């Protein structure tokens, strides 16, 4: 009596999902994370939090939309969350630079 053996060959994936999944690496920046309840956010102040040891700040713009930026002023690396909200822009406590929805500097005090 003998056993018949077969060598199995790997087949190519039949769906594009499988090939994309194999090539794709996890990027935590492309995911959603709950950080606080909306009712717990301060009304007119920045709210600081961190994800994976990276500091972020949440604040509401003029339209009441939540904005999330890195909690660091590019000028002197001060925490933006230590500043204040003025006309829907976050203002750095250090020199008064103001940043908008996309993190662009909109005002520099002189």
PDB file of N, CA and C in Angstrom:
ATOM      1  N   UNK A   1       0.846  -1.155   0.000  1.00  0.00           N
ATOM      2  CA  UNK A   1       0.000   0.000   0.000  1.00  0.00           C
ATOM      3  C   UNK A   1       0.904   1.234   0.000  1.00  0.00           C
ATOM      4  N   UNK A   2       0.565   2.219  -0.809  1.00  0.00           N
ATOM      5  CA  UNK A   2       1.355   3.444  -0.864  1.00  0.00           C
ATOM      6  C   UNK A   2       0.423   4.649  -0.816  1.00  0.00           C
ATOM      7  N   UNK A   3       0.948   5.712  -0.269  1.00  0.00           N
ATOM      8  CA  UNK A   3       0.186   6.962  -0.197  1.00  0.00           C
ATOM      9  C   UNK A   3       0.608   7.865  -1.339  1.00  0.00           C
ATOM     10  N   UNK A   4      -0.371   8.413  -1.942  1.00  0.00           N
ATOM     11  CA  UNK A   4      -0.078   9.337  -3.025  1.00  0.00           C
ATOM     12  C   UNK A   4       0.099  10.742  -2.448  1.00  0.00           C
ATOM     13  N   UNK A   5       1.170  11.404  -2.770  1.00  0.00           N
ATOM     14  CA  UNK A   5       1.406  12.757  -2.279  1.00  0.00           C
ATOM     15  C   UNK A   5       1.442  13.712  -3.461  1.00  0.00           C
ATOM     16  N   UNK A   6       0.996  14.895  -3.202  1.00  0.00           N
ATOM     17  CA  UNK A   6       1.026  15.937  -4.224  1.00  0.00           C
ATOM     18  C   UNK A   6       1.716  17.156  -3.639  1.00  0.00           C
ATOM     19  N   UNK A   7       2.453  17.829  -4.447  1.00  0.00           N
ATOM     20  CA  UNK A   7       3.071  19.077  -4.032  1.00  0.00           C
ATOM     21  C   UNK A   7       2.121  20.204  -4.403  1.00  0.00           C
ATOM     22  N   UNK A   8       1.730  20.956  -3.386  1.00  0.00           N
ATOM     23  CA  UNK A   8       0.812  22.070  -3.642  1.00  0.00           C
ATOM     24  C   UNK A   8       1.603  23.298  -4.050  1.00  0.00           C
ATOM     25  N   UNK A   9       1.123  23.922  -5.078  1.00  0.00           N
ATOM     26  CA  UNK A   9       1.757  25.143  -5.557  1.00  0.00           C
ATOM     27  C   UNK A   9       0.951  26.339  -5.058  1.00  0.00           C
ATOM     28  N   UNK A  10       1.633  27.401  -4.719  1.00  0.00           N
ATOM     29  CA  UNK A  10       0.944  28.617  -4.288  1.00  0.00           C
ATOM     30  C   UNK A  10       0.209  29.211  -5.478  1.00  0.00           C
ATOM     31  N   UNK A  11      -1.015  29.611  -5.235  1.00  0.00           N
ATOM     32  CA  UNK A  11      -1.792  30.231  -6.304  1.00  0.00           C
ATOM     33  C   UNK A  11      -1.779  31.735  -6.117  1.00  0.00           C
ATOM     34  N   UNK A  12      -1.928  32.420  -7.184  1.00  0.00           N
ATOM     35  CA  UNK A  12      -1.968  33.875  -7.094  1.00  0.00           C
ATOM     36  C   UNK A  12      -3.319  34.307  -6.545  1.00  0.00           C
ATOM     37  N   UNK A  13      -3.340  35.383  -5.759  1.00  0.00           N
ATOM     38  CA  UNK A  13      -4.611  35.858  -5.208  1.00  0.00           C
ATOM     39  C   UNK A  13      -5.581  36.214  -6.325  1.00  0.00           C
ATOM     40  N   UNK A  14      -6.844  35.958  -6.060  1.00  0.00           N
ATOM     41  CA  UNK A  14      -7.856  36.222  -7.083  1.00  0.00           C
ATOM     42  C   UNK A  14      -8.490  37.593  -6.941  1.00  0.00           C
ATOM     43  N   UNK A  15      -8.322  38.235  -5.779  1.00  0.00           N
ATOM     44  CA  UNK A  15      -8.938  39.551  -5.609  1.00  0.00           C
ATOM     45  C   UNK A  15      -7.857  40.606  -5.389  1.00  0.00           C
ATOM     46  N   UNK A  16      -8.152  41.830  -5.777  1.00  0.00           N
ATOM     47  CA  UNK A  16      -7.195  42.916  -5.580  1.00  0.00           C
ATOM     48  C   UNK A  16      -7.068  43.278  -4.117  1.00  0.00           C
ATOM     49  N   UNK A  17      -8.097  42.984  -3.311  1.00  0.00           N
ATOM     50  CA  UNK A  17      -8.059  43.280  -1.881  1.00  0.00           C
ATOM     51  C   UNK A  17      -6.898  42.546  -1.209  1.00  0.00           C
ATOM     52  N   UNK A  18      -6.720  41.296  -1.573  1.00  0.00           N
ATOM     53  CA  UNK A  18      -5.650  40.508  -0.969  1.00  0.00           C
ATOM     54  C   UNK A  18      -4.278  41.084  -1.298  1.00  0.00           C
ATOM     55  N   UNK A  19      -4.060  41.508  -2.525  1.00  0.00           N
ATOM     56  CA  UNK A  19      -2.748  42.032  -2.905  1.00  0.00           C
ATOM     57  C   UNK A  19      -2.502  43.386  -2.262  1.00  0.00           C
ATOM     58  N   UNK A  20      -3.509  44.233  -2.162  1.00  0.00           N
ATOM     59  CA  UNK A  20      -3.335  45.524  -1.509  1.00  0.00           C
ATOM     60  C   UNK A  20      -3.055  45.354  -0.017  1.00  0.00           C
ATOM     61  N   UNK A  21      -3.743  44.412   0.598  1.00  0.00           N
ATOM     62  CA  UNK A  21      -3.569  44.186   2.021  1.00  0.00           C
ATOM     63  C   UNK A  21      -2.156  43.715   2.325  1.00  0.00           C
ATOM     64  N   UNK A  22      -1.596  42.898   1.466  1.00  0.00           N
ATOM     65  CA  UNK A  22      -0.242  42.407   1.667  1.00  0.00           C
ATOM     66  C   UNK A  22       0.780  43.533   1.572  1.00  0.00           C
ATOM     67  N   UNK A  23       0.563  44.479   0.686  1.00  0.00           N
ATOM     68  CA  UNK A  23       1.513  45.563   0.459  1.00  0.00           C
ATOM     69  C   UNK A  23       1.358  46.707   1.455  1.00  0.00           C
ATOM     70  N   UNK A  24       0.211  46.827   2.050  1.00  0.00           N
ATOM     71  CA  UNK A  24      -0.099  47.971   2.897  1.00  0.00           C
ATOM     72  C   UNK A  24       0.411  47.768   4.325  1.00  0.00           C
ATOM     73  N   UNK A  25       1.069  48.785   4.853  1.00  0.00           N
ATOM     74  CA  UNK A  25       1.516  48.762   6.235  1.00  0.00           C
ATOM     75  C   UNK A  25       0.585  49.628   7.064  1.00  0.00           C
ATOM     76  N   UNK A  26       0.487  49.322   8.351  1.00  0.00           N
ATOM     77  CA  UNK A  26      -0.383  50.081   9.236  1.00  0.00           C
ATOM     78  C   UNK A  26       0.181  51.482   9.447  1.00  0.00           C
ATOM     79  N   UNK A  27      -0.662  52.484   9.261  1.00  0.00           N
ATOM     80  CA  UNK A  27      -0.283  53.869   9.504  1.00  0.00           C
ATOM     81  C   UNK A  27      -1.283  54.452  10.486  1.00  0.00           C
ATOM     82  N   UNK A  28      -0.860  54.676  11.717  1.00  0.00           N
ATOM     83  CA  UNK A  28      -1.782  55.137  12.756  1.00  0.00           C
ATOM     84  C   UNK A  28      -2.346  56.515  12.468  1.00  0.00           C
ATOM     85  N   UNK A  29      -1.692  57.288  11.633  1.00  0.00           N
ATOM     86  CA  UNK A  29      -2.180  58.627  11.304  1.00  0.00           C
ATOM     87  C   UNK A  29      -3.401  58.594  10.387  1.00  0.00           C
ATOM     88  N   UNK A  30      -3.682  57.454   9.782  1.00  0.00           N
ATOM     89  CA  UNK A  30      -4.822  57.345   8.888  1.00  0.00           C
ATOM     90  C   UNK A  30      -6.019  56.691   9.562  1.00  0.00           C
ATOM     91  N   UNK A  31      -6.038  56.688  10.866  1.00  0.00           N
ATOM     92  CA  UNK A  31      -7.124  56.056  11.616  1.00  0.00           C
ATOM     93  C   UNK A  31      -7.809  57.081  12.515  1.00  0.00           C
ATOM     94  N   UNK A  32      -8.997  56.724  12.968  1.00  0.00           N
ATOM     95  CA  UNK A  32      -9.755  57.554  13.894  1.00  0.00           C
ATOM     96  C   UNK A  32      -9.557  57.039  15.311  1.00  0.00           C
ATOM     97  N   UNK A  33      -9.452  57.963  16.274  1.00  0.00           N
ATOM     98  CA  UNK A  33      -9.297  57.595  17.671  1.00  0.00           C
ATOM     99  C   UNK A  33     -10.221  58.455  18.529  1.00  0.00           C
ATOM    100  N   UNK A  34     -10.954  57.863  19.432  1.00  0.00           N
ATOM    101  CA  UNK A  34     -11.735  58.680  20.372  1.00  0.00           C
ATOM    102  C   UNK A  34     -10.778  59.269  21.407  1.00  0.00           C
ATOM    103  N   UNK A  35     -10.856  60.577  21.604  1.00  0.00           N
ATOM    104  CA  UNK A  35      -9.950  61.213  22.560  1.00  0.00           C
ATOM    105  C   UNK A  35     -10.690  61.843  23.734  1.00  0.00           C
ATOM    106  N   UNK A  36     -11.921  62.255  23.531  1.00  0.00           N
ATOM    107  CA  UNK A  36     -12.725  62.826  24.602  1.00  0.00           C
ATOM    108  C   UNK A  36     -14.171  62.911  24.131  1.00  0.00           C
ATOM    109  N   UNK A  37     -15.071  63.119  25.072  1.00  0.00           N
ATOM    110  CA  UNK A  37     -16.468  63.365  24.716  1.00  0.00           C
ATOM    111  C   UNK A  37     -16.622  64.838  24.353  1.00  0.00           C
ATOM    112  N   UNK A  38     -17.443  65.121  23.365  1.00  0.00           N
ATOM    113  CA  UNK A  38     -17.647  66.504  22.920  1.00  0.00           C
ATOM    114  C   UNK A  38     -18.107  67.384  24.074  1.00  0.00           C
ATOM    115  N   UNK A  39     -18.996  66.867  24.926  1.00  0.00           N
ATOM    116  CA  UNK A  39     -19.495  67.679  26.030  1.00  0.00           C
ATOM    117  C   UNK A  39     -18.410  67.975  27.073  1.00  0.00           C
ATOM    118  N   UNK A  40     -17.308  67.252  27.049  1.00  0.00           N
ATOM    119  CA  UNK A  40     -16.211  67.503  27.985  1.00  0.00           C
ATOM    120  C   UNK A  40     -15.181  68.494  27.462  1.00  0.00           C
ATOM    121  N   UNK A  41     -15.315  68.909  26.205  1.00  0.00           N
ATOM    122  CA  UNK A  41     -14.376  69.881  25.646  1.00  0.00           C
ATOM    123  C   UNK A  41     -14.649  71.261  26.219  1.00  0.00           C
ATOM    124  N   UNK A  42     -13.601  72.012  26.562  1.00  0.00           N
ATOM    125  CA  UNK A  42     -13.817  73.374  27.034  1.00  0.00           C
ATOM    126  C   UNK A  42     -14.394  74.238  25.906  1.00  0.00           C
ATOM    127  N   UNK A  43     -15.276  75.148  26.271  1.00  0.00           N
ATOM    128  CA  UNK A  43     -15.979  75.947  25.259  1.00  0.00           C
ATOM    129  C   UNK A  43     -15.052  76.893  24.494  1.00  0.00           C
ATOM    130  N   UNK A  44     -14.234  77.649  25.182  1.00  0.00           N
ATOM    131  CA  UNK A  44     -13.421  78.683  24.528  1.00  0.00           C
ATOM    132  C   UNK A  44     -11.934  78.530  24.814  1.00  0.00           C
ATOM    133  N   UNK A  45     -11.507  77.308  25.066  1.00  0.00           N
ATOM    134  CA  UNK A  45     -10.092  77.055  25.366  1.00  0.00           C
ATOM    135  C   UNK A  45      -9.603  75.866  24.552  1.00  0.00           C
ATOM    136  N   UNK A  46      -8.311  75.816  24.298  1.00  0.00           N
ATOM    137  CA  UNK A  46      -7.750  74.636  23.625  1.00  0.00           C
ATOM    138  C   UNK A  46      -7.762  73.427  24.556  1.00  0.00           C
ATOM    139  N   UNK A  47      -7.821  72.245  23.975  1.00  0.00           N
ATOM    140  CA  UNK A  47      -7.806  70.995  24.744  1.00  0.00           C
ATOM    141  C   UNK A  47      -6.618  70.164  24.257  1.00  0.00           C
ATOM    142  N   UNK A  48      -5.683  69.851  25.153  1.00  0.00           N
ATOM    143  CA  UNK A  48      -4.511  69.069  24.755  1.00  0.00           C
ATOM    144  C   UNK A  48      -4.725  67.590  25.053  1.00  0.00           C
ATOM    145  N   UNK A  49      -4.131  66.752  24.220  1.00  0.00           N
ATOM    146  CA  UNK A  49      -4.135  65.304  24.422  1.00  0.00           C
ATOM    147  C   UNK A  49      -2.962  64.742  23.623  1.00  0.00           C
ATOM    148  N   UNK A  50      -2.672  63.480  23.829  1.00  0.00           N
ATOM    149  CA  UNK A  50      -1.590  62.865  23.061  1.00  0.00           C
ATOM    150  C   UNK A  50      -1.999  61.476  22.595  1.00  0.00           C
ATOM    151  N   UNK A  51      -1.449  61.100  21.462  1.00  0.00           N
ATOM    152  CA  UNK A  51      -1.620  59.761  20.897  1.00  0.00           C
ATOM    153  C   UNK A  51      -0.234  59.243  20.568  1.00  0.00           C
ATOM    154  N   UNK A  52       0.075  58.073  21.080  1.00  0.00           N
ATOM    155  CA  UNK A  52       1.389  57.467  20.832  1.00  0.00           C
ATOM    156  C   UNK A  52       2.516  58.462  21.105  1.00  0.00           C
ATOM    157  N   UNK A  53       2.412  59.149  22.227  1.00  0.00           N
ATOM    158  CA  UNK A  53       3.418  60.118  22.692  1.00  0.00           C
ATOM    159  C   UNK A  53       3.596  61.327  21.771  1.00  0.00           C
ATOM    160  N   UNK A  54       2.635  61.571  20.898  1.00  0.00           N
ATOM    161  CA  UNK A  54       2.681  62.774  20.070  1.00  0.00           C
ATOM    162  C   UNK A  54       1.605  63.732  20.561  1.00  0.00           C
ATOM    163  N   UNK A  55       1.993  64.978  20.888  1.00  0.00           N
ATOM    164  CA  UNK A  55       1.022  65.939  21.435  1.00  0.00           C
ATOM    165  C   UNK A  55       0.142  66.569  20.354  1.00  0.00           C
ATOM    166  N   UNK A  56      -1.148  66.683  20.665  1.00  0.00           N
ATOM    167  CA  UNK A  56      -2.114  67.321  19.775  1.00  0.00           C
ATOM    168  C   UNK A  56      -2.948  68.312  20.571  1.00  0.00           C
ATOM    169  N   UNK A  57      -3.608  69.222  19.856  1.00  0.00           N
ATOM    170  CA  UNK A  57      -4.507  70.183  20.481  1.00  0.00           C
ATOM    171  C   UNK A  57      -5.803  70.233  19.672  1.00  0.00           C
ATOM    172  N   UNK A  58      -6.928  70.264  20.381  1.00  0.00           N
ATOM    173  CA  UNK A  58      -8.251  70.415  19.766  1.00  0.00           C
ATOM    174  C   UNK A  58      -8.791  71.783  20.130  1.00  0.00           C
ATOM    175  N   UNK A  59      -9.440  72.433  19.168  1.00  0.00           N
ATOM    176  CA  UNK A  59     -10.124  73.694  19.452  1.00  0.00           C
ATOM    177  C   UNK A  59     -11.227  73.878  18.425  1.00  0.00           C
ATOM    178  N   UNK A  60     -12.146  74.778  18.721  1.00  0.00           N
ATOM    179  CA  UNK A  60     -13.251  75.061  17.800  1.00  0.00           C
ATOM    180  C   UNK A  60     -12.948  76.347  17.045  1.00  0.00           C
ATOM    181  N   UNK A  61     -13.145  76.285  15.717  1.00  0.00           N
ATOM    182  CA  UNK A  61     -12.944  77.491  14.924  1.00  0.00           C
ATOM    183  C   UNK A  61     -14.178  78.391  15.011  1.00  0.00           C
ATOM    184  N   UNK A  62     -14.210  79.447  14.204  1.00  0.00           N
ATOM    185  CA  UNK A  62     -15.322  80.405  14.226  1.00  0.00           C
ATOM    186  C   UNK A  62     -16.672  79.760  13.948  1.00  0.00           C
ATOM    187  N   UNK A  63     -16.672  78.722  13.097  1.00  0.00           N
ATOM    188  CA  UNK A  63     -17.913  78.042  12.713  1.00  0.00           C
ATOM    189  C   UNK A  63     -18.298  76.932  13.686  1.00  0.00           C
ATOM    190  N   UNK A  64     -17.520  76.745  14.738  1.00  0.00           N
ATOM    191  CA  UNK A  64     -17.798  75.696  15.710  1.00  0.00           C
ATOM    192  C   UNK A  64     -17.277  74.331  15.308  1.00  0.00           C
ATOM    193  N   UNK A  65     -16.511  74.282  14.217  1.00  0.00           N
ATOM    194  CA  UNK A  65     -15.922  73.025  13.741  1.00  0.00           C
ATOM    195  C   UNK A  65     -14.697  72.690  14.588  1.00  0.00           C
ATOM    196  N   UNK A  66     -14.563  71.412  14.959  1.00  0.00           N
ATOM    197  CA  UNK A  66     -13.391  70.985  15.731  1.00  0.00           C
ATOM    198  C   UNK A  66     -12.171  70.902  14.825  1.00  0.00           C
ATOM    199  N   UNK A  67     -11.077  71.474  15.302  1.00  0.00           N
ATOM    200  CA  UNK A  67      -9.814  71.475  14.571  1.00  0.00           C
ATOM    201  C   UNK A  67      -8.777  70.763  15.432  1.00  0.00           C
ATOM    202  N   UNK A  68      -7.985  69.921  14.814  1.00  0.00           N
ATOM    203  CA  UNK A  68      -6.927  69.203  15.519  1.00  0.00           C
ATOM    204  C   UNK A  68      -5.596  69.524  14.849  1.00  0.00           C
ATOM    205  N   UNK A  69      -4.653  70.021  15.645  1.00  0.00           N
ATOM    206  CA  UNK A  69      -3.318  70.340  15.162  1.00  0.00           C
ATOM    207  C   UNK A  69      -2.279  69.719  16.083  1.00  0.00           C
ATOM    208  N   UNK A  70      -1.060  69.648  15.617  1.00  0.00           N
ATOM    209  CA  UNK A  70       0.038  69.261  16.489  1.00  0.00           C
ATOM    210  C   UNK A  70       0.193  70.352  17.534  1.00  0.00           C
ATOM    211  N   UNK A  71       0.339  69.955  18.787  1.00  0.00           N
ATOM    212  CA  UNK A  71       0.398  70.909  19.901  1.00  0.00           C
ATOM    213  C   UNK A  71       1.807  71.486  20.046  1.00  0.00           C
ATOM    214  N   UNK A  72       2.224  72.202  18.998  1.00  0.00           N
ATOM    215  CA  UNK A  72       3.571  72.757  19.000  1.00  0.00           C
ATOM    216  C   UNK A  72       3.615  73.944  18.047  1.00  0.00           C
ATOM    217  N   UNK A  73       3.996  75.075  18.548  1.00  0.00           N
ATOM    218  CA  UNK A  73       4.175  76.245  17.694  1.00  0.00           C
ATOM    219  C   UNK A  73       5.473  76.062  16.902  1.00  0.00           C
ATOM    220  N   UNK A  74       5.445  76.266  15.587  1.00  0.00           N
ATOM    221  CA  UNK A  74       6.665  76.072  14.794  1.00  0.00           C
ATOM    222  C   UNK A  74       7.732  77.128  15.067  1.00  0.00           C
ATOM    223  N   UNK A  75       7.350  78.222  15.699  1.00  0.00           N
ATOM    224  CA  UNK A  75       8.296  79.295  15.944  1.00  0.00           C
ATOM    225  C   UNK A  75       9.267  78.961  17.066  1.00  0.00           C
ATOM    226  N   UNK A  76       8.754  78.629  18.263  1.00  0.00           N
ATOM    227  CA  UNK A  76       9.616  78.318  19.412  1.00  0.00           C
ATOM    228  C   UNK A  76       9.224  77.018  20.099  1.00  0.00           C
ATOM    229  N   UNK A  77       8.464  76.206  19.432  1.00  0.00           N
ATOM    230  CA  UNK A  77       7.981  74.902  19.911  1.00  0.00           C
ATOM    231  C   UNK A  77       7.217  74.966  21.230  1.00  0.00           C
ATOM    232  N   UNK A  78       6.621  76.105  21.518  1.00  0.00           N
ATOM    233  CA  UNK A  78       5.764  76.215  22.702  1.00  0.00           C
ATOM    234  C   UNK A  78       4.479  75.430  22.464  1.00  0.00           C
ATOM    235  N   UNK A  79       3.834  75.006  23.530  1.00  0.00           N
ATOM    236  CA  UNK A  79       2.571  74.263  23.402  1.00  0.00           C
ATOM    237  C   UNK A  79       1.450  75.231  23.008  1.00  0.00           C
ATOM    238  N   UNK A  80       0.804  74.964  21.891  1.00  0.00           N
ATOM    239  CA  UNK A  80      -0.326  75.798  21.472  1.00  0.00           C
ATOM    240  C   UNK A  80      -1.478  75.698  22.460  1.00  0.00           C
ATOM    241  N   UNK A  81      -1.594  74.565  23.127  1.00  0.00           N
ATOM    242  CA  UNK A  81      -2.691  74.377  24.084  1.00  0.00           C
ATOM    243  C   UNK A  81      -2.561  75.280  25.305  1.00  0.00           C
ATOM    244  N   UNK A  82      -1.395  75.863  25.524  1.00  0.00           N
ATOM    245  CA  UNK A  82      -1.227  76.834  26.615  1.00  0.00           C
ATOM    246  C   UNK A  82      -1.721  78.219  26.213  1.00  0.00           C
ATOM    247  N   UNK A  83      -2.028  78.394  24.934  1.00  0.00           N
ATOM    248  CA  UNK A  83      -2.494  79.679  24.430  1.00  0.00           C
ATOM    249  C   UNK A  83      -3.993  79.847  24.569  1.00  0.00           C
ATOM    250  N   UNK A  84      -4.557  80.641  23.672  1.00  0.00           N
ATOM    251  CA  UNK A  84      -5.992  80.930  23.728  1.00  0.00           C
ATOM    252  C   UNK A  84      -6.587  80.907  22.326  1.00  0.00           C
ATOM    253  N   UNK A  85      -7.921  80.916  22.283  1.00  0.00           N
ATOM    254  CA  UNK A  85      -8.643  80.955  21.012  1.00  0.00           C
ATOM    255  C   UNK A  85      -9.103  82.393  20.785  1.00  0.00           C
ATOM    256  N   UNK A  86      -8.726  82.942  19.627  1.00  0.00           N
ATOM    257  CA  UNK A  86      -9.126  84.304  19.277  1.00  0.00           C
ATOM    258  C   UNK A  86      -9.732  84.264  17.880  1.00  0.00           C
ATOM    259  N   UNK A  87     -10.996  84.656  17.786  1.00  0.00           N
ATOM    260  CA  UNK A  87     -11.713  84.671  16.500  1.00  0.00           C
ATOM    261  C   UNK A  87     -11.589  83.345  15.755  1.00  0.00           C
ATOM    262  N   UNK A  88     -11.663  82.233  16.463  1.00  0.00           N
ATOM    263  CA  UNK A  88     -11.619  80.913  15.844  1.00  0.00           C
ATOM    264  C   UNK A  88     -10.236  80.439  15.458  1.00  0.00           C
ATOM    265  N   UNK A  89      -9.205  81.189  15.837  1.00  0.00           N
ATOM    266  CA  UNK A  89      -7.825  80.796  15.572  1.00  0.00           C
ATOM    267  C   UNK A  89      -7.153  80.513  16.909  1.00  0.00           C
ATOM    268  N   UNK A  90      -6.199  79.595  16.906  1.00  0.00           N
ATOM    269  CA  UNK A  90      -5.475  79.308  18.133  1.00  0.00           C
ATOM    270  C   UNK A  90      -4.236  80.193  18.175  1.00  0.00           C
ATOM    271  N   UNK A  91      -4.043  80.836  19.317  1.00  0.00           N
ATOM    272  CA  UNK A  91      -2.937  81.774  19.467  1.00  0.00           C
ATOM    273  C   UNK A  91      -1.902  81.216  20.434  1.00  0.00           C
ATOM    274  N   UNK A  92      -0.662  81.234  20.011  1.00  0.00           N
ATOM    275  CA  UNK A  92       0.444  80.759  20.841  1.00  0.00           C
ATOM    276  C   UNK A  92       0.689  81.747  21.981  1.00  0.00           C
ATOM    277  N   UNK A  93       0.857  81.215  23.157  1.00  0.00           N
ATOM    278  CA  UNK A  93       1.092  82.034  24.350  1.00  0.00           C
ATOM    279  C   UNK A  93       2.440  82.756  24.293  1.00  0.00           C
ATOM    280  N   UNK A  94       3.400  82.174  23.624  1.00  0.00           N
ATOM    281  CA  UNK A  94       4.771  82.694  23.637  1.00  0.00           C
ATOM    282  C   UNK A  94       4.906  84.043  22.937  1.00  0.00           C
ATOM    283  N   UNK A  95       4.538  84.126  21.639  1.00  0.00           N
ATOM    284  CA  UNK A  95       4.668  85.378  20.882  1.00  0.00           C
ATOM    285  C   UNK A  95       3.375  85.849  20.243  1.00  0.00           C
ATOM    286  N   UNK A  96       2.285  85.118  20.437  1.00  0.00           N
ATOM    287  CA  UNK A  96       1.003  85.563  19.904  1.00  0.00           C
ATOM    288  C   UNK A  96       0.742  85.200  18.454  1.00  0.00           C
ATOM    289  N   UNK A  97       1.527  84.287  17.893  1.00  0.00           N
ATOM    290  CA  UNK A  97       1.240  83.853  16.533  1.00  0.00           C
ATOM    291  C   UNK A  97      -0.088  83.118  16.529  1.00  0.00           C
ATOM    292  N   UNK A  98      -0.896  83.324  15.478  1.00  0.00           N
ATOM    293  CA  UNK A  98      -2.213  82.691  15.377  1.00  0.00           C
ATOM    294  C   UNK A  98      -2.251  81.735  14.190  1.00  0.00           C
ATOM    295  N   UNK A  99      -2.886  80.571  14.434  1.00  0.00           N
ATOM    296  CA  UNK A  99      -2.938  79.518  13.430  1.00  0.00           C
ATOM    297  C   UNK A  99      -4.384  79.139  13.142  1.00  0.00           C
ATOM    298  N   UNK A 100      -4.648  78.835  11.872  1.00  0.00           N
ATOM    299  CA  UNK A 100      -6.002  78.505  11.441  1.00  0.00           C
ATOM    300  C   UNK A 100      -6.264  77.023  11.347  1.00  0.00           C
ATOM    301  N   UNK A 101      -7.318  76.683  10.601  1.00  0.00           N
ATOM    302  CA  UNK A 101      -7.818  75.316  10.497  1.00  0.00           C
ATOM    303  C   UNK A 101      -6.784  74.295  10.053  1.00  0.00           C
ATOM    304  N   UNK A 102      -5.934  74.659   9.109  1.00  0.00           N
ATOM    305  CA  UNK A 102      -4.975  73.697   8.555  1.00  0.00           C
ATOM    306  C   UNK A 102      -3.580  73.857   9.155  1.00  0.00           C
ATOM    307  N   UNK A 103      -3.457  74.647  10.203  1.00  0.00           N
ATOM    308  CA  UNK A 103      -2.161  74.847  10.851  1.00  0.00           C
ATOM    309  C   UNK A 103      -1.345  75.976  10.246  1.00  0.00           C
ATOM    310  N   UNK A 104      -1.914  76.641   9.239  1.00  0.00           N
ATOM    311  CA  UNK A 104      -1.205  77.742   8.601  1.00  0.00           C
ATOM    312  C   UNK A 104      -1.196  78.956   9.522  1.00  0.00           C
ATOM    313  N   UNK A 105      -0.045  79.627   9.605  1.00  0.00           N
ATOM    314  CA  UNK A 105       0.061  80.834  10.417  1.00  0.00           C
ATOM    315  C   UNK A 105      -0.697  81.962   9.713  1.00  0.00           C
ATOM    316  N   UNK A 106      -1.687  82.526  10.420  1.00  0.00           N
ATOM    317  CA  UNK A 106      -2.536  83.566   9.821  1.00  0.00           C
ATOM    318  C   UNK A 106      -2.229  84.961  10.349  1.00  0.00           C
ATOM    319  N   UNK A 107      -1.519  85.023  11.483  1.00  0.00           N
ATOM    320  CA  UNK A 107      -1.227  86.337  12.057  1.00  0.00           C
ATOM    321  C   UNK A 107       0.042  86.261  12.899  1.00  0.00           C
ATOM    322  N   UNK A 108       0.914  87.240  12.692  1.00  0.00           N
ATOM    323  CA  UNK A 108       2.132  87.362  13.500  1.00  0.00           C
ATOM    324  C   UNK A 108       2.117  88.733  14.150  1.00  0.00           C
ATOM    325  N   UNK A 109       2.161  88.768  15.475  1.00  0.00           N
ATOM    326  CA  UNK A 109       2.193  90.046  16.185  1.00  0.00           C
ATOM    327  C   UNK A 109       3.523  90.741  15.925  1.00  0.00           C
ATOM    328  N   UNK A 110       3.450  92.040  15.815  1.00  0.00           N
ATOM    329  CA  UNK A 110       4.690  92.820  15.594  1.00  0.00           C
ATOM    330  C   UNK A 110       4.857  93.831  16.688  1.00  0.00           C
TER     331      UNK A 110
END
